[in-house]
PDB file of N, CA and C in Angstrom:
ATOM      1  N   MET A   1     -25.954 199.742 -26.336  1.00  0.00           N
ATOM      2  CA  MET A   1     -25.335 200.877 -25.696  1.00  0.00           C
ATOM      3  C   MET A   1     -24.448 201.660 -26.669  1.00  0.00           C
ATOM      4  N   ILE A   2     -23.824 201.002 -27.623  1.00  0.00           N
ATOM      5  CA  ILE A   2     -22.974 201.680 -28.603  1.00  0.00           C
ATOM      6  C   ILE A   2     -23.759 202.014 -29.874  1.00  0.00           C
ATOM      7  N   LYS A   3     -24.933 201.430 -30.017  1.00  0.00           N
ATOM      8  CA  LYS A   3     -25.753 201.652 -31.215  1.00  0.00           C
ATOM      9  C   LYS A   3     -25.994 203.148 -31.426  1.00  0.00           C
ATOM     10  N   ASP A   4     -25.762 203.583 -32.647  1.00  0.00           N
ATOM     11  CA  ASP A   4     -25.939 204.969 -33.084  1.00  0.00           C
ATOM     12  C   ASP A   4     -24.925 205.956 -32.506  1.00  0.00           C
ATOM     13  N   LYS A   5     -23.943 205.489 -31.778  1.00  0.00           N
ATOM     14  CA  LYS A   5     -22.876 206.371 -31.299  1.00  0.00           C
ATOM     15  C   LYS A   5     -21.902 206.624 -32.445  1.00  0.00           C
ATOM     16  N   VAL A   6     -21.321 207.806 -32.463  1.00  0.00           N
ATOM     17  CA  VAL A   6     -20.323 208.164 -33.468  1.00  0.00           C
ATOM     18  C   VAL A   6     -18.950 207.996 -32.829  1.00  0.00           C
ATOM     19  N   VAL A   7     -18.157 207.092 -33.410  1.00  0.00           N
ATOM     20  CA  VAL A   7     -16.877 206.709 -32.820  1.00  0.00           C
ATOM     21  C   VAL A   7     -15.741 206.980 -33.807  1.00  0.00           C
ATOM     22  N   ILE A   8     -14.796 207.804 -33.399  1.00  0.00           N
ATOM     23  CA  ILE A   8     -13.566 208.009 -34.167  1.00  0.00           C
ATOM     24  C   ILE A   8     -12.549 206.988 -33.671  1.00  0.00           C
ATOM     25  N   ILE A   9     -11.897 206.307 -34.613  1.00  0.00           N
ATOM     26  CA  ILE A   9     -10.867 205.324 -34.269  1.00  0.00           C
ATOM     27  C   ILE A   9      -9.605 205.666 -35.043  1.00  0.00           C
ATOM     28  N   THR A  10      -8.524 205.969 -34.334  1.00  0.00           N
ATOM     29  CA  THR A  10      -7.245 206.186 -35.006  1.00  0.00           C
ATOM     30  C   THR A  10      -6.488 204.861 -35.042  1.00  0.00           C
ATOM     31  N   GLY A  11      -5.560 204.762 -35.966  1.00  0.00           N
ATOM     32  CA  GLY A  11      -4.836 203.498 -36.131  1.00  0.00           C
ATOM     33  C   GLY A  11      -5.771 202.396 -36.579  1.00  0.00           C
ATOM     34  N   ALA A  12      -6.735 202.763 -37.422  1.00  0.00           N
ATOM     35  CA  ALA A  12      -7.822 201.844 -37.782  1.00  0.00           C
ATOM     36  C   ALA A  12      -7.530 200.965 -38.988  1.00  0.00           C
ATOM     37  N   SER A  13      -6.350 201.062 -39.572  1.00  0.00           N
ATOM     38  CA  SER A  13      -6.093 200.310 -40.803  1.00  0.00           C
ATOM     39  C   SER A  13      -5.619 198.882 -40.572  1.00  0.00           C
ATOM     40  N   SER A  14      -5.361 198.517 -39.322  1.00  0.00           N
ATOM     41  CA  SER A  14      -4.921 197.147 -39.045  1.00  0.00           C
ATOM     42  C   SER A  14      -5.081 196.844 -37.557  1.00  0.00           C
ATOM     43  N   GLY A  15      -4.875 195.593 -37.222  1.00  0.00           N
ATOM     44  CA  GLY A  15      -4.815 195.164 -35.828  1.00  0.00           C
ATOM     45  C   GLY A  15      -6.034 195.505 -34.993  1.00  0.00           C
ATOM     46  N   ILE A  16      -5.776 196.011 -33.791  1.00  0.00           N
ATOM     47  CA  ILE A  16      -6.837 196.314 -32.834  1.00  0.00           C
ATOM     48  C   ILE A  16      -7.792 197.373 -33.375  1.00  0.00           C
ATOM     49  N   GLY A  17      -7.267 198.391 -34.045  1.00  0.00           N
ATOM     50  CA  GLY A  17      -8.119 199.442 -34.592  1.00  0.00           C
ATOM     51  C   GLY A  17      -9.095 198.913 -35.625  1.00  0.00           C
ATOM     52  N   LYS A  18      -8.602 198.089 -36.522  1.00  0.00           N
ATOM     53  CA  LYS A  18      -9.443 197.493 -37.563  1.00  0.00           C
ATOM     54  C   LYS A  18     -10.495 196.583 -36.941  1.00  0.00           C
ATOM     55  N   ALA A  19     -10.090 195.733 -36.023  1.00  0.00           N
ATOM     56  CA  ALA A  19     -11.028 194.812 -35.369  1.00  0.00           C
ATOM     57  C   ALA A  19     -12.083 195.579 -34.581  1.00  0.00           C
ATOM     58  N   THR A  20     -11.675 196.641 -33.915  1.00  0.00           N
ATOM     59  CA  THR A  20     -12.617 197.457 -33.152  1.00  0.00           C
ATOM     60  C   THR A  20     -13.616 198.129 -34.079  1.00  0.00           C
ATOM     61  N   ALA A  21     -13.146 198.647 -35.197  1.00  0.00           N
ATOM     62  CA  ALA A  21     -14.040 199.289 -36.166  1.00  0.00           C
ATOM     63  C   ALA A  21     -15.104 198.314 -36.650  1.00  0.00           C
ATOM     64  N   ARG A  22     -14.697 197.128 -37.004  1.00  0.00           N
ATOM     65  CA  ARG A  22     -15.650 196.120 -37.481  1.00  0.00           C
ATOM     66  C   ARG A  22     -16.649 195.738 -36.392  1.00  0.00           C
ATOM     67  N   LEU A  23     -16.144 195.507 -35.184  1.00  0.00           N
ATOM     68  CA  LEU A  23     -17.008 195.113 -34.070  1.00  0.00           C
ATOM     69  C   LEU A  23     -18.034 196.198 -33.753  1.00  0.00           C
ATOM     70  N   LEU A  24     -17.577 197.432 -33.615  1.00  0.00           N
ATOM     71  CA  LEU A  24     -18.495 198.515 -33.269  1.00  0.00           C
ATOM     72  C   LEU A  24     -19.507 198.772 -34.379  1.00  0.00           C
ATOM     73  N   ALA A  25     -19.069 198.677 -35.628  1.00  0.00           N
ATOM     74  CA  ALA A  25     -20.000 198.853 -36.746  1.00  0.00           C
ATOM     75  C   ALA A  25     -21.066 197.762 -36.745  1.00  0.00           C
ATOM     76  N   ARG A  26     -20.670 196.531 -36.449  1.00  0.00           N
ATOM     77  CA  ARG A  26     -21.651 195.437 -36.362  1.00  0.00           C
ATOM     78  C   ARG A  26     -22.658 195.684 -35.246  1.00  0.00           C
ATOM     79  N   GLN A  27     -22.221 196.391 -34.208  1.00  0.00           N
ATOM     80  CA  GLN A  27     -23.104 196.691 -33.082  1.00  0.00           C
ATOM     81  C   GLN A  27     -23.900 197.979 -33.288  1.00  0.00           C
ATOM     82  N   GLY A  28     -23.769 198.580 -34.470  1.00  0.00           N
ATOM     83  CA  GLY A  28     -24.583 199.735 -34.818  1.00  0.00           C
ATOM     84  C   GLY A  28     -23.939 201.093 -34.654  1.00  0.00           C
ATOM     85  N   ALA A  29     -22.666 201.144 -34.310  1.00  0.00           N
ATOM     86  CA  ALA A  29     -21.972 202.431 -34.206  1.00  0.00           C
ATOM     87  C   ALA A  29     -21.678 202.977 -35.599  1.00  0.00           C
ATOM     88  N   LYS A  30     -21.574 204.279 -35.683  1.00  0.00           N
ATOM     89  CA  LYS A  30     -21.140 204.959 -36.901  1.00  0.00           C
ATOM     90  C   LYS A  30     -19.653 205.241 -36.700  1.00  0.00           C
ATOM     91  N   VAL A  31     -18.818 204.600 -37.504  1.00  0.00           N
ATOM     92  CA  VAL A  31     -17.381 204.680 -37.264  1.00  0.00           C
ATOM     93  C   VAL A  31     -16.682 205.602 -38.254  1.00  0.00           C
ATOM     94  N   VAL A  32     -15.752 206.375 -37.718  1.00  0.00           N
ATOM     95  CA  VAL A  32     -14.935 207.294 -38.503  1.00  0.00           C
ATOM     96  C   VAL A  32     -13.494 206.845 -38.297  1.00  0.00           C
ATOM     97  N   LEU A  33     -12.892 206.352 -39.365  1.00  0.00           N
ATOM     98  CA  LEU A  33     -11.594 205.691 -39.263  1.00  0.00           C
ATOM     99  C   LEU A  33     -10.466 206.589 -39.748  1.00  0.00           C
ATOM    100  N   GLY A  34      -9.380 206.587 -39.008  1.00  0.00           N
ATOM    101  CA  GLY A  34      -8.204 207.350 -39.388  1.00  0.00           C
ATOM    102  C   GLY A  34      -6.952 206.502 -39.282  1.00  0.00           C
ATOM    103  N   ALA A  35      -6.046 206.679 -40.240  1.00  0.00           N
ATOM    104  CA  ALA A  35      -4.758 205.982 -40.241  1.00  0.00           C
ATOM    105  C   ALA A  35      -3.922 206.548 -41.385  1.00  0.00           C
ATOM    106  N   ARG A  36      -2.670 206.134 -41.443  1.00  0.00           N
ATOM    107  CA  ARG A  36      -1.781 206.620 -42.502  1.00  0.00           C
ATOM    108  C   ARG A  36      -1.924 205.835 -43.801  1.00  0.00           C
ATOM    109  N   ARG A  37      -2.473 204.641 -43.741  1.00  0.00           N
ATOM    110  CA  ARG A  37      -2.560 203.792 -44.941  1.00  0.00           C
ATOM    111  C   ARG A  37      -3.965 203.892 -45.550  1.00  0.00           C
ATOM    112  N   GLU A  38      -4.108 204.834 -46.458  1.00  0.00           N
ATOM    113  CA  GLU A  38      -5.411 205.168 -47.031  1.00  0.00           C
ATOM    114  C   GLU A  38      -6.069 203.996 -47.752  1.00  0.00           C
ATOM    115  N   GLU A  39      -5.288 203.223 -48.502  1.00  0.00           N
ATOM    116  CA  GLU A  39      -5.882 202.116 -49.260  1.00  0.00           C
ATOM    117  C   GLU A  39      -6.492 201.078 -48.324  1.00  0.00           C
ATOM    118  N   ARG A  40      -5.877 200.846 -47.197  1.00  0.00           N
ATOM    119  CA  ARG A  40      -6.447 199.902 -46.224  1.00  0.00           C
ATOM    120  C   ARG A  40      -7.714 200.468 -45.596  1.00  0.00           C
ATOM    121  N   LEU A  41      -7.704 201.755 -45.305  1.00  0.00           N
ATOM    122  CA  LEU A  41      -8.908 202.390 -44.753  1.00  0.00           C
ATOM    123  C   LEU A  41     -10.077 202.259 -45.717  1.00  0.00           C
ATOM    124  N   THR A  42      -9.816 202.527 -46.984  1.00  0.00           N
ATOM    125  CA  THR A  42     -10.865 202.432 -48.001  1.00  0.00           C
ATOM    126  C   THR A  42     -11.452 201.033 -48.044  1.00  0.00           C
ATOM    127  N   GLN A  43     -10.604 200.037 -47.989  1.00  0.00           N
ATOM    128  CA  GLN A  43     -11.067 198.647 -48.015  1.00  0.00           C
ATOM    129  C   GLN A  43     -11.932 198.327 -46.792  1.00  0.00           C
ATOM    130  N   ILE A  44     -11.515 198.766 -45.620  1.00  0.00           N
ATOM    131  CA  ILE A  44     -12.270 198.489 -44.396  1.00  0.00           C
ATOM    132  C   ILE A  44     -13.626 199.185 -44.436  1.00  0.00           C
ATOM    133  N   VAL A  45     -13.654 200.431 -44.883  1.00  0.00           N
ATOM    134  CA  VAL A  45     -14.922 201.160 -44.998  1.00  0.00           C
ATOM    135  C   VAL A  45     -15.858 200.429 -45.952  1.00  0.00           C
ATOM    136  N   GLU A  46     -15.344 199.976 -47.083  1.00  0.00           N
ATOM    137  CA  GLU A  46     -16.170 199.234 -48.043  1.00  0.00           C
ATOM    138  C   GLU A  46     -16.723 197.955 -47.427  1.00  0.00           C
ATOM    139  N   GLU A  47     -15.902 197.236 -46.677  1.00  0.00           N
ATOM    140  CA  GLU A  47     -16.357 196.001 -46.024  1.00  0.00           C
ATOM    141  C   GLU A  47     -17.452 196.285 -44.999  1.00  0.00           C
ATOM    142  N   ILE A  48     -17.262 197.332 -44.205  1.00  0.00           N
ATOM    143  CA  ILE A  48     -18.267 197.691 -43.199  1.00  0.00           C
ATOM    144  C   ILE A  48     -19.578 198.072 -43.876  1.00  0.00           C
ATOM    145  N   ARG A  49     -19.508 198.868 -44.915  1.00  0.00           N
ATOM    146  CA  ARG A  49     -20.727 199.274 -45.638  1.00  0.00           C
ATOM    147  C   ARG A  49     -21.396 198.074 -46.296  1.00  0.00           C
ATOM    148  N   PHE A  50     -20.609 197.177 -46.859  1.00  0.00           N
ATOM    149  CA  PHE A  50     -21.161 195.973 -47.485  1.00  0.00           C
ATOM    150  C   PHE A  50     -21.958 195.160 -46.474  1.00  0.00           C
ATOM    151  N   ASP A  51     -21.480 195.157 -45.231  1.00  0.00           N
ATOM    152  CA  ASP A  51     -22.162 194.419 -44.163  1.00  0.00           C
ATOM    153  C   ASP A  51     -23.304 195.212 -43.533  1.00  0.00           C
ATOM    154  N   GLY A  52     -23.607 196.393 -44.080  1.00  0.00           N
ATOM    155  CA  GLY A  52     -24.733 197.182 -43.591  1.00  0.00           C
ATOM    156  C   GLY A  52     -24.384 198.247 -42.571  1.00  0.00           C
ATOM    157  N   GLY A  53     -23.101 198.432 -42.294  1.00  0.00           N
ATOM    158  CA  GLY A  53     -22.692 199.426 -41.312  1.00  0.00           C
ATOM    159  C   GLY A  53     -22.472 200.794 -41.928  1.00  0.00           C
ATOM    160  N   GLN A  54     -22.259 201.763 -41.062  1.00  0.00           N
ATOM    161  CA  GLN A  54     -21.985 203.129 -41.492  1.00  0.00           C
ATOM    162  C   GLN A  54     -20.544 203.478 -41.130  1.00  0.00           C
ATOM    163  N   ALA A  55     -19.790 203.892 -42.138  1.00  0.00           N
ATOM    164  CA  ALA A  55     -18.374 204.189 -41.914  1.00  0.00           C
ATOM    165  C   ALA A  55     -17.881 205.211 -42.925  1.00  0.00           C
ATOM    166  N   THR A  56     -16.892 205.958 -42.504  1.00  0.00           N
ATOM    167  CA  THR A  56     -16.161 206.857 -43.379  1.00  0.00           C
ATOM    168  C   THR A  56     -14.722 206.882 -42.875  1.00  0.00           C
ATOM    169  N   SER A  57     -13.828 207.443 -43.669  1.00  0.00           N
ATOM    170  CA  SER A  57     -12.424 207.439 -43.244  1.00  0.00           C
ATOM    171  C   SER A  57     -11.683 208.645 -43.784  1.00  0.00           C
ATOM    172  N   ARG A  58     -10.518 208.842 -43.209  1.00  0.00           N
ATOM    173  CA  ARG A  58      -9.615 209.902 -43.643  1.00  0.00           C
ATOM    174  C   ARG A  58      -8.191 209.467 -43.350  1.00  0.00           C
ATOM    175  N   MET A  59      -7.329 209.654 -44.341  1.00  0.00           N
ATOM    176  CA  MET A  59      -5.917 209.409 -44.101  1.00  0.00           C
ATOM    177  C   MET A  59      -5.422 210.492 -43.139  1.00  0.00           C
ATOM    178  N   MET A  60      -4.682 210.064 -42.123  1.00  0.00           N
ATOM    179  CA  MET A  60      -4.208 211.022 -41.128  1.00  0.00           C
ATOM    180  C   MET A  60      -2.974 210.494 -40.428  1.00  0.00           C
ATOM    181  N   ASP A  61      -2.286 211.399 -39.765  1.00  0.00           N
ATOM    182  CA  ASP A  61      -1.155 211.045 -38.921  1.00  0.00           C
ATOM    183  C   ASP A  61      -1.419 211.675 -37.558  1.00  0.00           C
ATOM    184  N   VAL A  62      -1.466 210.874 -36.512  1.00  0.00           N
ATOM    185  CA  VAL A  62      -1.830 211.385 -35.189  1.00  0.00           C
ATOM    186  C   VAL A  62      -0.849 212.415 -34.642  1.00  0.00           C
ATOM    187  N   ILE A  63       0.343 212.503 -35.207  1.00  0.00           N
ATOM    188  CA  ILE A  63       1.273 213.522 -34.720  1.00  0.00           C
ATOM    189  C   ILE A  63       1.004 214.888 -35.349  1.00  0.00           C
ATOM    190  N   SER A  64       0.028 214.954 -36.248  1.00  0.00           N
ATOM    191  CA  SER A  64      -0.329 216.213 -36.902  1.00  0.00           C
ATOM    192  C   SER A  64      -1.581 216.812 -36.257  1.00  0.00           C
ATOM    193  N   PRO A  65      -1.449 217.942 -35.577  1.00  0.00           N
ATOM    194  CA  PRO A  65      -2.633 218.568 -34.983  1.00  0.00           C
ATOM    195  C   PRO A  65      -3.725 218.866 -36.008  1.00  0.00           C
ATOM    196  N   SER A  66      -3.346 219.292 -37.207  1.00  0.00           N
ATOM    197  CA  SER A  66      -4.364 219.601 -38.217  1.00  0.00           C
ATOM    198  C   SER A  66      -5.091 218.340 -38.682  1.00  0.00           C
ATOM    199  N   ASP A  67      -4.401 217.210 -38.750  1.00  0.00           N
ATOM    200  CA  ASP A  67      -5.065 215.948 -39.099  1.00  0.00           C
ATOM    201  C   ASP A  67      -6.047 215.535 -38.008  1.00  0.00           C
ATOM    202  N   ASN A  68      -5.672 215.735 -36.753  1.00  0.00           N
ATOM    203  CA  ASN A  68      -6.565 215.396 -35.647  1.00  0.00           C
ATOM    204  C   ASN A  68      -7.828 216.256 -35.684  1.00  0.00           C
ATOM    205  N   GLU A  69      -7.658 217.540 -35.948  1.00  0.00           N
ATOM    206  CA  GLU A  69      -8.811 218.431 -36.058  1.00  0.00           C
ATOM    207  C   GLU A  69      -9.680 218.040 -37.248  1.00  0.00           C
ATOM    208  N   ALA A  70      -9.052 217.661 -38.353  1.00  0.00           N
ATOM    209  CA  ALA A  70      -9.791 217.320 -39.569  1.00  0.00           C
ATOM    210  C   ALA A  70     -10.649 216.070 -39.393  1.00  0.00           C
ATOM    211  N   ILE A  71     -10.169 215.076 -38.658  1.00  0.00           N
ATOM    212  CA  ILE A  71     -10.977 213.868 -38.501  1.00  0.00           C
ATOM    213  C   ILE A  71     -12.180 214.133 -37.596  1.00  0.00           C
ATOM    214  N   VAL A  72     -12.016 215.025 -36.634  1.00  0.00           N
ATOM    215  CA  VAL A  72     -13.163 215.414 -35.800  1.00  0.00           C
ATOM    216  C   VAL A  72     -14.183 216.160 -36.655  1.00  0.00           C
ATOM    217  N   ARG A  73     -13.716 217.074 -37.498  1.00  0.00           N
ATOM    218  CA  ARG A  73     -14.632 217.790 -38.400  1.00  0.00           C
ATOM    219  C   ARG A  73     -15.351 216.827 -39.337  1.00  0.00           C
ATOM    220  N   LEU A  74     -14.624 215.827 -39.851  1.00  0.00           N
ATOM    221  CA  LEU A  74     -15.241 214.832 -40.730  1.00  0.00           C
ATOM    222  C   LEU A  74     -16.385 214.129 -40.012  1.00  0.00           C
ATOM    223  N   ALA A  75     -16.147 213.702 -38.791  1.00  0.00           N
ATOM    224  CA  ALA A  75     -17.195 213.021 -38.016  1.00  0.00           C
ATOM    225  C   ALA A  75     -18.393 213.939 -37.801  1.00  0.00           C
ATOM    226  N   GLN A  76     -18.133 215.182 -37.461  1.00  0.00           N
ATOM    227  CA  GLN A  76     -19.220 216.130 -37.230  1.00  0.00           C
ATOM    228  C   GLN A  76     -19.987 216.424 -38.512  1.00  0.00           C
ATOM    229  N   ASP A  77     -19.274 216.599 -39.615  1.00  0.00           N
ATOM    230  CA  ASP A  77     -19.929 216.878 -40.896  1.00  0.00           C
ATOM    231  C   ASP A  77     -20.758 215.697 -41.372  1.00  0.00           C
ATOM    232  N   ARG A  78     -20.228 214.502 -41.224  1.00  0.00           N
ATOM    233  CA  ARG A  78     -20.899 213.307 -41.743  1.00  0.00           C
ATOM    234  C   ARG A  78     -22.014 212.810 -40.824  1.00  0.00           C
ATOM    235  N   PHE A  79     -21.762 212.822 -39.509  1.00  0.00           N
ATOM    236  CA  PHE A  79     -22.711 212.215 -38.578  1.00  0.00           C
ATOM    237  C   PHE A  79     -23.277 213.188 -37.538  1.00  0.00           C
ATOM    238  N   GLY A  80     -22.841 214.439 -37.561  1.00  0.00           N
ATOM    239  CA  GLY A  80     -23.432 215.453 -36.701  1.00  0.00           C
ATOM    240  C   GLY A  80     -22.814 215.629 -35.324  1.00  0.00           C
ATOM    241  N   ARG A  81     -21.946 214.733 -34.938  1.00  0.00           N
ATOM    242  CA  ARG A  81     -21.365 214.824 -33.595  1.00  0.00           C
ATOM    243  C   ARG A  81     -20.239 213.805 -33.447  1.00  0.00           C
ATOM    244  N   VAL A  82     -19.599 213.823 -32.279  1.00  0.00           N
ATOM    245  CA  VAL A  82     -18.624 212.804 -31.888  1.00  0.00           C
ATOM    246  C   VAL A  82     -18.992 212.368 -30.477  1.00  0.00           C
ATOM    247  N   ASP A  83     -19.170 211.060 -30.285  1.00  0.00           N
ATOM    248  CA  ASP A  83     -19.486 210.531 -28.962  1.00  0.00           C
ATOM    249  C   ASP A  83     -18.273 209.902 -28.286  1.00  0.00           C
ATOM    250  N   VAL A  84     -17.425 209.245 -29.082  1.00  0.00           N
ATOM    251  CA  VAL A  84     -16.293 208.499 -28.536  1.00  0.00           C
ATOM    252  C   VAL A  84     -15.092 208.695 -29.452  1.00  0.00           C
ATOM    253  N   ILE A  85     -13.918 208.853 -28.856  1.00  0.00           N
ATOM    254  CA  ILE A  85     -12.673 208.849 -29.625  1.00  0.00           C
ATOM    255  C   ILE A  85     -11.786 207.757 -29.044  1.00  0.00           C
ATOM    256  N   PHE A  86     -11.444 206.781 -29.886  1.00  0.00           N
ATOM    257  CA  PHE A  86     -10.556 205.688 -29.482  1.00  0.00           C
ATOM    258  C   PHE A  86      -9.180 205.976 -30.067  1.00  0.00           C
ATOM    259  N   LEU A  87      -8.281 206.471 -29.235  1.00  0.00           N
ATOM    260  CA  LEU A  87      -6.933 206.834 -29.671  1.00  0.00           C
ATOM    261  C   LEU A  87      -6.057 205.591 -29.678  1.00  0.00           C
ATOM    262  N   ASN A  88      -6.224 204.821 -30.717  1.00  0.00           N
ATOM    263  CA  ASN A  88      -5.550 203.534 -30.838  1.00  0.00           C
ATOM    264  C   ASN A  88      -4.182 203.643 -31.504  1.00  0.00           C
ATOM    265  N   ALA A  89      -4.004 204.655 -32.348  1.00  0.00           N
ATOM    266  CA  ALA A  89      -2.739 204.777 -33.086  1.00  0.00           C
ATOM    267  C   ALA A  89      -1.604 205.084 -32.136  1.00  0.00           C
ATOM    268  N   GLY A  90      -0.475 204.536 -32.445  1.00  0.00           N
ATOM    269  CA  GLY A  90       0.697 204.815 -31.642  1.00  0.00           C
ATOM    270  C   GLY A  90       1.949 204.464 -32.406  1.00  0.00           C
ATOM    271  N   LEU A  91       2.990 205.153 -32.082  1.00  0.00           N
ATOM    272  CA  LEU A  91       4.276 204.907 -32.717  1.00  0.00           C
ATOM    273  C   LEU A  91       5.280 204.588 -31.628  1.00  0.00           C
ATOM    274  N   MET A  92       6.021 203.559 -31.819  1.00  0.00           N
ATOM    275  CA  MET A  92       7.061 203.224 -30.854  1.00  0.00           C
ATOM    276  C   MET A  92       8.198 202.552 -31.586  1.00  0.00           C
ATOM    277  N   PRO A  93       9.376 203.121 -31.489  1.00  0.00           N
ATOM    278  CA  PRO A  93      10.533 202.482 -32.125  1.00  0.00           C
ATOM    279  C   PRO A  93      10.734 201.072 -31.567  1.00  0.00           C
ATOM    280  N   THR A  94      11.227 200.191 -32.400  1.00  0.00           N
ATOM    281  CA  THR A  94      11.423 198.804 -31.971  1.00  0.00           C
ATOM    282  C   THR A  94      12.876 198.496 -31.641  1.00  0.00           C
ATOM    283  N   SER A  95      13.678 199.519 -31.519  1.00  0.00           N
ATOM    284  CA  SER A  95      15.085 199.305 -31.185  1.00  0.00           C
ATOM    285  C   SER A  95      15.299 199.498 -29.680  1.00  0.00           C
ATOM    286  N   PRO A  96      16.430 199.034 -29.173  1.00  0.00           N
ATOM    287  CA  PRO A  96      16.731 199.260 -27.756  1.00  0.00           C
ATOM    288  C   PRO A  96      16.756 200.763 -27.452  1.00  0.00           C
ATOM    289  N   VAL A  97      16.396 201.139 -26.245  1.00  0.00           N
ATOM    290  CA  VAL A  97      16.350 202.549 -25.862  1.00  0.00           C
ATOM    291  C   VAL A  97      17.667 203.254 -26.167  1.00  0.00           C
ATOM    292  N   SER A  98      18.759 202.592 -25.935  1.00  0.00           N
ATOM    293  CA  SER A  98      20.070 203.212 -26.167  1.00  0.00           C
ATOM    294  C   SER A  98      20.335 203.506 -27.642  1.00  0.00           C
ATOM    295  N   ALA A  99      19.589 202.870 -28.540  1.00  0.00           N
ATOM    296  CA  ALA A  99      19.804 203.055 -29.975  1.00  0.00           C
ATOM    297  C   ALA A  99      18.736 203.928 -30.640  1.00  0.00           C
ATOM    298  N   ILE A 100      17.762 204.399 -29.872  1.00  0.00           N
ATOM    299  CA  ILE A 100      16.684 205.207 -30.452  1.00  0.00           C
ATOM    300  C   ILE A 100      17.231 206.569 -30.874  1.00  0.00           C
ATOM    301  N   LYS A 101      16.876 206.962 -32.087  1.00  0.00           N
ATOM    302  CA  LYS A 101      17.273 208.266 -32.603  1.00  0.00           C
ATOM    303  C   LYS A 101      16.314 209.329 -32.045  1.00  0.00           C
ATOM    304  N   THR A 102      16.781 210.547 -31.982  1.00  0.00           N
ATOM    305  CA  THR A 102      15.978 211.642 -31.438  1.00  0.00           C
ATOM    306  C   THR A 102      14.656 211.788 -32.181  1.00  0.00           C
ATOM    307  N   ASP A 103      14.678 211.711 -33.505  1.00  0.00           N
ATOM    308  CA  ASP A 103      13.444 211.838 -34.288  1.00  0.00           C
ATOM    309  C   ASP A 103      12.447 210.739 -33.947  1.00  0.00           C
ATOM    310  N   GLU A 104      12.935 209.509 -33.770  1.00  0.00           N
ATOM    311  CA  GLU A 104      12.054 208.399 -33.401  1.00  0.00           C
ATOM    312  C   GLU A 104      11.425 208.646 -32.034  1.00  0.00           C
ATOM    313  N   TRP A 105      12.231 209.091 -31.098  1.00  0.00           N
ATOM    314  CA  TRP A 105      11.716 209.365 -29.755  1.00  0.00           C
ATOM    315  C   TRP A 105      10.676 210.481 -29.790  1.00  0.00           C
ATOM    316  N   ASN A 106      10.946 211.542 -30.552  1.00  0.00           N
ATOM    317  CA  ASN A 106      10.000 212.650 -30.641  1.00  0.00           C
ATOM    318  C   ASN A 106       8.671 212.208 -31.235  1.00  0.00           C
ATOM    319  N   GLU A 107       8.707 211.349 -32.255  1.00  0.00           N
ATOM    320  CA  GLU A 107       7.460 210.822 -32.824  1.00  0.00           C
ATOM    321  C   GLU A 107       6.686 210.016 -31.799  1.00  0.00           C
ATOM    322  N   ALA A 108       7.369 209.138 -31.088  1.00  0.00           N
ATOM    323  CA  ALA A 108       6.705 208.317 -30.073  1.00  0.00           C
ATOM    324  C   ALA A 108       6.147 209.194 -28.958  1.00  0.00           C
ATOM    325  N   SER A 109       6.906 210.177 -28.532  1.00  0.00           N
ATOM    326  CA  SER A 109       6.474 211.082 -27.471  1.00  0.00           C
ATOM    327  C   SER A 109       5.241 211.875 -27.895  1.00  0.00           C
ATOM    328  N   THR A 110       5.253 212.380 -29.123  1.00  0.00           N
ATOM    329  CA  THR A 110       4.104 213.121 -29.632  1.00  0.00           C
ATOM    330  C   THR A 110       2.884 212.224 -29.718  1.00  0.00           C
ATOM    331  N   SER A 111       3.079 211.002 -30.144  1.00  0.00           N
ATOM    332  CA  SER A 111       1.976 210.050 -30.232  1.00  0.00           C
ATOM    333  C   SER A 111       1.332 209.837 -28.867  1.00  0.00           C
ATOM    334  N   ILE A 112       2.150 209.704 -27.853  1.00  0.00           N
ATOM    335  CA  ILE A 112       1.643 209.483 -26.495  1.00  0.00           C
ATOM    336  C   ILE A 112       0.988 210.743 -25.946  1.00  0.00           C
ATOM    337  N   SER A 113       1.615 211.889 -26.115  1.00  0.00           N
ATOM    338  CA  SER A 113       1.105 213.124 -25.520  1.00  0.00           C
ATOM    339  C   SER A 113      -0.082 213.703 -26.273  1.00  0.00           C
ATOM    340  N   ARG A 114      -0.366 213.219 -27.468  1.00  0.00           N
ATOM    341  CA  ARG A 114      -1.490 213.726 -28.253  1.00  0.00           C
ATOM    342  C   ARG A 114      -2.807 213.602 -27.484  1.00  0.00           C
ATOM    343  N   VAL A 115      -2.898 212.646 -26.605  1.00  0.00           N
ATOM    344  CA  VAL A 115      -4.105 212.454 -25.800  1.00  0.00           C
ATOM    345  C   VAL A 115      -4.392 213.699 -24.972  1.00  0.00           C
ATOM    346  N   PHE A 116      -3.345 214.353 -24.511  1.00  0.00           N
ATOM    347  CA  PHE A 116      -3.517 215.521 -23.654  1.00  0.00           C
ATOM    348  C   PHE A 116      -3.671 216.778 -24.466  1.00  0.00           C
TER     349      PHE A 116
END
């Protein structure tokens, strides 16, 4: 069912995003990975390709509208379309709510509202 689907995954450089990228690539999806840590993305893409999968990546920050547009363009240019977008990236301060700085809250809020 996922075979040959083009899937964009944000927050793909570690954790759930990385595991999802590997799993979907093994199942035949063409994965387009985005995250802020470019060196990790490069390594994951190389691993997926070594295992016979199709993958590409772009360093991005989900709070940047131009980065979001660019990763969609990358998927379209490389694979011709986008079938699925997994908005896995997220930012959340780890301090108590009473101690969160305005900038931290704005980043977290933008991360959440980016879906809309």
